All heavy atoms as atom14 arrays in JSON, in Angstrom:
{
  "sequence": "AEAAECTRTGHQVLYYIGGVMSPEMEVPKLMW",
  "atom14_mask": [
    [1, 1, 1, 1, 1, 0, 0, 0, 0, 0, 0, 0, 0, 0],
    [1, 1, 1, 1, 1, 1, 1, 1, 1, 0, 0, 0, 0, 0],
    [1, 1, 1, 1, 1, 0, 0, 0, 0, 0, 0, 0, 0, 0],
    [1, 1, 1, 1, 1, 0, 0, 0, 0, 0, 0, 0, 0, 0],
    [1, 1, 1, 1, 1, 1, 1, 1, 1, 0, 0, 0, 0, 0],
    [1, 1, 1, 1, 1, 1, 0, 0, 0, 0, 0, 0, 0, 0],
    [1, 1, 1, 1, 1, 1, 1, 0, 0, 0, 0, 0, 0, 0],
    [1, 1, 1, 1, 1, 1, 1, 1, 1, 1, 1, 0, 0, 0],
    [1, 1, 1, 1, 1, 1, 1, 0, 0, 0, 0, 0, 0, 0],
    [1, 1, 1, 1, 0, 0, 0, 0, 0, 0, 0, 0, 0, 0],
    [1, 1, 1, 1, 1, 1, 1, 1, 1, 1, 0, 0, 0, 0],
    [1, 1, 1, 1, 1, 1, 1, 1, 1, 0, 0, 0, 0, 0],
    [1, 1, 1, 1, 1, 1, 1, 0, 0, 0, 0, 0, 0, 0],
    [1, 1, 1, 1, 1, 1, 1, 1, 0, 0, 0, 0, 0, 0],
    [1, 1, 1, 1, 1, 1, 1, 1, 1, 1, 1, 1, 0, 0],
    [1, 1, 1, 1, 1, 1, 1, 1, 1, 1, 1, 1, 0, 0],
    [1, 1, 1, 1, 1, 1, 1, 1, 0, 0, 0, 0, 0, 0],
    [1, 1, 1, 1, 0, 0, 0, 0, 0, 0, 0, 0, 0, 0],
    [1, 1, 1, 1, 0, 0, 0, 0, 0, 0, 0, 0, 0, 0],
    [1, 1, 1, 1, 1, 1, 1, 0, 0, 0, 0, 0, 0, 0],
    [1, 1, 1, 1, 1, 1, 1, 1, 0, 0, 0, 0, 0, 0],
    [1, 1, 1, 1, 1, 1, 0, 0, 0, 0, 0, 0, 0, 0],
    [1, 1, 1, 1, 1, 1, 1, 0, 0, 0, 0, 0, 0, 0],
    [1, 1, 1, 1, 1, 1, 1, 1, 1, 0, 0, 0, 0, 0],
    [1, 1, 1, 1, 1, 1, 1, 1, 0, 0, 0, 0, 0, 0],
    [1, 1, 1, 1, 1, 1, 1, 1, 1, 0, 0, 0, 0, 0],
    [1, 1, 1, 1, 1, 1, 1, 0, 0, 0, 0, 0, 0, 0],
    [1, 1, 1, 1, 1, 1, 1, 0, 0, 0, 0, 0, 0, 0],
    [1, 1, 1, 1, 1, 1, 1, 1, 1, 0, 0, 0, 0, 0],
    [1, 1, 1, 1, 1, 1, 1, 1, 0, 0, 0, 0, 0, 0],
    [1, 1, 1, 1, 1, 1, 1, 1, 0, 0, 0, 0, 0, 0],
    [1, 1, 1, 1, 1, 1, 1, 1, 1, 1, 1, 1, 1, 1]
  ],
  "atom14_positions": [
    [[-28.28, -2.71, 19.46], [-26.93, -2.3, 19.11], [-26.93, -0.84, 18.59], [-26.08, -0.04, 18.92], [-26.3, -3.22, 18.05], [0.0, 0.0, 0.0], [0.0, 0.0, 0.0], [0.0, 0.0, 0.0], [0.0, 0.0, 0.0], [0.0, 0.0, 0.0], [0.0, 0.0, 0.0], [0.0, 0.0, 0.0], [0.0, 0.0, 0.0], [0.0, 0.0, 0.0]],
    [[-27.92, -0.54, 17.78], [-28.0, 0.81, 17.19], [-28.34, 1.86, 18.3], [-27.8, 2.96, 18.27], [-29.02, 0.9, 16.11], [-28.67, 0.22, 14.82], [-28.76, -1.32, 14.81], [-29.28, -1.88, 15.83], [-28.27, -1.96, 13.88], [0.0, 0.0, 0.0], [0.0, 0.0, 0.0], [0.0, 0.0, 0.0], [0.0, 0.0, 0.0], [0.0, 0.0, 0.0]],
    [[-29.16, 1.46, 19.24], [-29.49, 2.34, 20.37], [-28.18, 2.66, 21.2], [-27.93, 3.8, 21.57], [-30.51, 1.72, 21.31], [0.0, 0.0, 0.0], [0.0, 0.0, 0.0], [0.0, 0.0, 0.0], [0.0, 0.0, 0.0], [0.0, 0.0, 0.0], [0.0, 0.0, 0.0], [0.0, 0.0, 0.0], [0.0, 0.0, 0.0], [0.0, 0.0, 0.0]],
    [[-27.44, 1.62, 21.42], [-26.16, 1.82, 22.2], [-25.16, 2.73, 21.4], [-24.53, 3.56, 21.97], [-25.5, 0.49, 22.43], [0.0, 0.0, 0.0], [0.0, 0.0, 0.0], [0.0, 0.0, 0.0], [0.0, 0.0, 0.0], [0.0, 0.0, 0.0], [0.0, 0.0, 0.0], [0.0, 0.0, 0.0], [0.0, 0.0, 0.0], [0.0, 0.0, 0.0]],
    [[-25.2, 2.62, 20.06], [-24.34, 3.48, 19.29], [-24.77, 4.95, 19.4], [-23.93, 5.83, 19.5], [-24.39, 3.02, 17.77], [-23.57, 3.82, 16.86], [-23.65, 3.28, 15.41], [-23.98, 2.07, 15.24], [-23.36, 4.06, 14.51], [0.0, 0.0, 0.0], [0.0, 0.0, 0.0], [0.0, 0.0, 0.0], [0.0, 0.0, 0.0], [0.0, 0.0, 0.0]],
    [[-26.09, 5.17, 19.43], [-26.6, 6.52, 19.6], [-26.14, 7.09, 20.98], [-25.7, 8.25, 21.08], [-28.11, 6.53, 19.56], [-28.78, 6.24, 17.94], [0.0, 0.0, 0.0], [0.0, 0.0, 0.0], [0.0, 0.0, 0.0], [0.0, 0.0, 0.0], [0.0, 0.0, 0.0], [0.0, 0.0, 0.0], [0.0, 0.0, 0.0], [0.0, 0.0, 0.0]],
    [[-26.22, 6.28, 21.97], [-25.81, 6.71, 23.31], [-24.35, 7.09, 23.35], [-23.92, 8.1, 24.01], [-26.09, 5.6, 24.37], [-27.49, 5.35, 24.4], [-25.64, 6.02, 25.75], [0.0, 0.0, 0.0], [0.0, 0.0, 0.0], [0.0, 0.0, 0.0], [0.0, 0.0, 0.0], [0.0, 0.0, 0.0], [0.0, 0.0, 0.0], [0.0, 0.0, 0.0]],
    [[-23.48, 6.34, 22.66], [-22.07, 6.61, 22.65], [-21.72, 7.96, 21.99], [-20.61, 8.44, 22.23], [-21.31, 5.46, 21.99], [-21.3, 4.17, 22.81], [-20.25, 3.22, 22.26], [-20.58, 2.71, 20.92], [-21.3, 1.66, 20.63], [-21.83, 0.98, 21.67], [-21.53, 1.28, 19.41], [0.0, 0.0, 0.0], [0.0, 0.0, 0.0], [0.0, 0.0, 0.0]],
    [[-22.62, 8.48, 21.21], [-22.26, 9.82, 20.63], [-22.17, 10.94, 21.64], [-21.46, 11.91, 21.46], [-23.34, 10.22, 19.56], [-24.59, 10.46, 20.21], [-23.52, 9.17, 18.49], [0.0, 0.0, 0.0], [0.0, 0.0, 0.0], [0.0, 0.0, 0.0], [0.0, 0.0, 0.0], [0.0, 0.0, 0.0], [0.0, 0.0, 0.0], [0.0, 0.0, 0.0]],
    [[-22.87, 10.77, 22.78], [-22.91, 11.78, 23.81], [-23.54, 13.1, 23.31], [-23.28, 14.13, 23.9], [0.0, 0.0, 0.0], [0.0, 0.0, 0.0], [0.0, 0.0, 0.0], [0.0, 0.0, 0.0], [0.0, 0.0, 0.0], [0.0, 0.0, 0.0], [0.0, 0.0, 0.0], [0.0, 0.0, 0.0], [0.0, 0.0, 0.0], [0.0, 0.0, 0.0]],
    [[-24.35, 13.03, 22.24], [-24.86, 14.25, 21.74], [-25.89, 14.93, 22.57], [-26.51, 14.3, 23.44], [-25.53, 13.91, 20.32], [-25.84, 15.09, 19.43], [-26.96, 15.86, 19.62], [-25.17, 15.69, 18.5], [-26.99, 16.84, 18.74], [-25.87, 16.78, 18.06], [0.0, 0.0, 0.0], [0.0, 0.0, 0.0], [0.0, 0.0, 0.0], [0.0, 0.0, 0.0]],
    [[-26.1, 16.22, 22.33], [-27.07, 17.0, 23.06], [-28.45, 16.36, 23.14], [-29.17, 16.54, 24.11], [-27.09, 18.43, 22.44], [-28.25, 19.32, 23.04], [-28.61, 20.47, 22.13], [-28.04, 20.57, 21.01], [-29.44, 21.33, 22.56], [0.0, 0.0, 0.0], [0.0, 0.0, 0.0], [0.0, 0.0, 0.0], [0.0, 0.0, 0.0], [0.0, 0.0, 0.0]],
    [[-28.87, 15.71, 22.03], [-30.23, 15.17, 22.08], [-30.48, 14.17, 23.14], [-31.59, 13.93, 23.63], [-30.57, 14.54, 20.67], [-30.57, 15.53, 19.56], [-29.7, 13.31, 20.38], [0.0, 0.0, 0.0], [0.0, 0.0, 0.0], [0.0, 0.0, 0.0], [0.0, 0.0, 0.0], [0.0, 0.0, 0.0], [0.0, 0.0, 0.0], [0.0, 0.0, 0.0]],
    [[-29.35, 13.55, 23.64], [-29.47, 12.59, 24.74], [-29.92, 13.22, 26.01], [-30.55, 12.57, 26.92], [-28.17, 11.81, 24.95], [-27.66, 11.04, 23.75], [-26.23, 10.55, 24.01], [-28.58, 9.85, 23.5], [0.0, 0.0, 0.0], [0.0, 0.0, 0.0], [0.0, 0.0, 0.0], [0.0, 0.0, 0.0], [0.0, 0.0, 0.0], [0.0, 0.0, 0.0]],
    [[-29.7, 14.54, 26.14], [-30.08, 15.26, 27.34], [-31.61, 15.18, 27.53], [-32.1, 15.2, 28.63], [-29.68, 16.73, 27.1], [-30.02, 17.7, 28.17], [-29.16, 18.09, 29.22], [-31.31, 18.37, 28.17], [-29.56, 18.98, 30.19], [-31.69, 19.27, 29.1], [-30.77, 19.6, 30.13], [-31.13, 20.51, 31.11], [0.0, 0.0, 0.0], [0.0, 0.0, 0.0]],
    [[-32.34, 15.02, 26.44], [-33.78, 15.01, 26.51], [-34.41, 13.63, 26.49], [-35.62, 13.5, 26.36], [-34.34, 15.83, 25.35], [-33.85, 17.27, 25.39], [-32.87, 17.68, 24.48], [-34.31, 18.18, 26.35], [-32.33, 19.02, 24.54], [-33.81, 19.49, 26.43], [-32.84, 19.85, 25.53], [-32.39, 21.16, 25.6], [0.0, 0.0, 0.0], [0.0, 0.0, 0.0]],
    [[-33.55, 12.6, 26.66], [-34.08, 11.27, 26.76], [-33.44, 10.49, 27.89], [-33.24, 9.25, 27.82], [-33.95, 10.45, 25.41], [-32.49, 10.49, 24.95], [-34.85, 11.04, 24.38], [-32.27, 9.6, 23.7], [0.0, 0.0, 0.0], [0.0, 0.0, 0.0], [0.0, 0.0, 0.0], [0.0, 0.0, 0.0], [0.0, 0.0, 0.0], [0.0, 0.0, 0.0]],
    [[-33.05, 11.17, 28.93], [-32.46, 10.56, 30.07], [-31.04, 10.1, 29.97], [-30.52, 9.32, 30.76], [0.0, 0.0, 0.0], [0.0, 0.0, 0.0], [0.0, 0.0, 0.0], [0.0, 0.0, 0.0], [0.0, 0.0, 0.0], [0.0, 0.0, 0.0], [0.0, 0.0, 0.0], [0.0, 0.0, 0.0], [0.0, 0.0, 0.0], [0.0, 0.0, 0.0]],
    [[-30.35, 10.54, 28.92], [-28.95, 10.24, 28.71], [-28.67, 8.98, 27.97], [-27.54, 8.66, 27.58], [0.0, 0.0, 0.0], [0.0, 0.0, 0.0], [0.0, 0.0, 0.0], [0.0, 0.0, 0.0], [0.0, 0.0, 0.0], [0.0, 0.0, 0.0], [0.0, 0.0, 0.0], [0.0, 0.0, 0.0], [0.0, 0.0, 0.0], [0.0, 0.0, 0.0]],
    [[-29.76, 8.15, 27.71], [-29.59, 6.81, 27.07], [-30.6, 6.62, 26.04], [-31.82, 6.81, 26.28], [-29.62, 5.7, 28.13], [-29.54, 4.29, 27.45], [-28.58, 5.83, 29.2], [0.0, 0.0, 0.0], [0.0, 0.0, 0.0], [0.0, 0.0, 0.0], [0.0, 0.0, 0.0], [0.0, 0.0, 0.0], [0.0, 0.0, 0.0], [0.0, 0.0, 0.0]],
    [[-30.22, 6.24, 24.82], [-31.19, 5.96, 23.74], [-31.75, 4.59, 23.95], [-31.1, 3.63, 24.3], [-30.46, 5.97, 22.38], [-31.38, 5.68, 21.16], [-32.65, 6.98, 20.88], [-31.63, 8.31, 20.22], [0.0, 0.0, 0.0], [0.0, 0.0, 0.0], [0.0, 0.0, 0.0], [0.0, 0.0, 0.0], [0.0, 0.0, 0.0], [0.0, 0.0, 0.0]],
    [[-33.1, 4.49, 23.79], [-33.82, 3.22, 23.95], [-34.07, 2.61, 22.56], [-34.41, 3.3, 21.65], [-35.14, 3.51, 24.63], [-35.95, 2.31, 24.56], [0.0, 0.0, 0.0], [0.0, 0.0, 0.0], [0.0, 0.0, 0.0], [0.0, 0.0, 0.0], [0.0, 0.0, 0.0], [0.0, 0.0, 0.0], [0.0, 0.0, 0.0], [0.0, 0.0, 0.0]],
    [[-33.98, 1.29, 22.46], [-34.3, 0.61, 21.2], [-35.76, 0.74, 20.89], [-36.19, 0.4, 19.75], [-33.93, -0.85, 21.42], [-34.0, -1.07, 22.94], [-33.54, 0.31, 23.49], [0.0, 0.0, 0.0], [0.0, 0.0, 0.0], [0.0, 0.0, 0.0], [0.0, 0.0, 0.0], [0.0, 0.0, 0.0], [0.0, 0.0, 0.0], [0.0, 0.0, 0.0]],
    [[-36.66, 1.19, 21.88], [-38.04, 1.45, 21.56], [-38.3, 2.7, 20.89], [-39.44, 2.96, 20.38], [-38.84, 1.37, 22.9], [-38.77, -0.07, 23.55], [-39.43, -0.1, 24.94], [-40.16, 0.82, 25.26], [-39.19, -1.08, 25.6], [0.0, 0.0, 0.0], [0.0, 0.0, 0.0], [0.0, 0.0, 0.0], [0.0, 0.0, 0.0], [0.0, 0.0, 0.0]],
    [[-37.31, 3.58, 20.72], [-37.48, 4.84, 20.0], [-37.19, 4.63, 18.53], [-36.77, 3.54, 18.08], [-36.51, 5.91, 20.62], [-36.91, 6.23, 22.02], [-35.83, 7.51, 22.77], [-36.61, 7.7, 24.35], [0.0, 0.0, 0.0], [0.0, 0.0, 0.0], [0.0, 0.0, 0.0], [0.0, 0.0, 0.0], [0.0, 0.0, 0.0], [0.0, 0.0, 0.0]],
    [[-37.52, 5.65, 17.72], [-37.55, 5.47, 16.3], [-36.17, 5.55, 15.64], [-35.93, 4.88, 14.6], [-38.46, 6.52, 15.64], [-39.92, 6.51, 16.25], [-40.67, 5.3, 16.28], [-40.07, 4.16, 16.05], [-41.9, 5.28, 16.5], [0.0, 0.0, 0.0], [0.0, 0.0, 0.0], [0.0, 0.0, 0.0], [0.0, 0.0, 0.0], [0.0, 0.0, 0.0]],
    [[-35.31, 6.41, 16.12], [-33.97, 6.55, 15.47], [-33.2, 5.25, 15.33], [-32.74, 4.91, 14.25], [-33.17, 7.68, 16.15], [-31.69, 7.62, 15.67], [-33.77, 9.07, 15.82], [0.0, 0.0, 0.0], [0.0, 0.0, 0.0], [0.0, 0.0, 0.0], [0.0, 0.0, 0.0], [0.0, 0.0, 0.0], [0.0, 0.0, 0.0], [0.0, 0.0, 0.0]],
    [[-33.03, 4.51, 16.42], [-32.34, 3.2, 16.28], [-33.03, 2.27, 15.34], [-32.39, 1.47, 14.6], [-32.19, 2.65, 17.69], [-33.18, 3.46, 18.53], [-33.28, 4.76, 17.87], [0.0, 0.0, 0.0], [0.0, 0.0, 0.0], [0.0, 0.0, 0.0], [0.0, 0.0, 0.0], [0.0, 0.0, 0.0], [0.0, 0.0, 0.0], [0.0, 0.0, 0.0]],
    [[-34.4, 2.25, 15.38], [-35.13, 1.36, 14.47], [-34.84, 1.78, 13.01], [-34.65, 0.92, 12.11], [-36.59, 1.44, 14.73], [-37.06, 0.73, 16.0], [-38.55, 0.83, 16.19], [-39.12, -0.1, 17.22], [-38.84, 0.33, 18.62], [0.0, 0.0, 0.0], [0.0, 0.0, 0.0], [0.0, 0.0, 0.0], [0.0, 0.0, 0.0], [0.0, 0.0, 0.0]],
    [[-34.76, 3.09, 12.74], [-34.49, 3.55, 11.38], [-33.06, 3.21, 10.98], [-32.77, 2.85, 9.83], [-34.66, 5.05, 11.3], [-36.17, 5.53, 11.4], [-36.22, 7.01, 11.7], [-36.91, 5.18, 10.16], [0.0, 0.0, 0.0], [0.0, 0.0, 0.0], [0.0, 0.0, 0.0], [0.0, 0.0, 0.0], [0.0, 0.0, 0.0], [0.0, 0.0, 0.0]],
    [[-32.13, 3.27, 11.9], [-30.73, 2.86, 11.64], [-30.67, 1.4, 11.25], [-30.05, 0.99, 10.27], [-29.82, 3.11, 12.85], [-29.64, 4.57, 13.21], [-28.91, 4.79, 14.88], [-27.29, 4.0, 14.66], [0.0, 0.0, 0.0], [0.0, 0.0, 0.0], [0.0, 0.0, 0.0], [0.0, 0.0, 0.0], [0.0, 0.0, 0.0], [0.0, 0.0, 0.0]],
    [[-31.45, 0.55, 12.0], [-31.48, -0.85, 11.74], [-32.04, -1.09, 10.3], [-31.53, -1.91, 9.49], [-32.3, -1.61, 12.74], [-32.32, -3.08, 12.59], [-31.48, -4.02, 13.18], [-33.17, -3.85, 11.7], [-31.78, -5.27, 12.73], [-32.82, -5.18, 11.81], [-34.2, -3.5, 10.84], [-33.43, -6.16, 11.14], [-34.84, -4.51, 10.13], [-34.45, -5.87, 10.24]]
  ]
}
């Protein structure tokens, strides 16, 4: 759920991760 929330921001950082945040990355884990 946190990964999907990151994706919905549409922020510039998504440009460097294929446009979609993965739950395997650290930012959504930290949010959780």
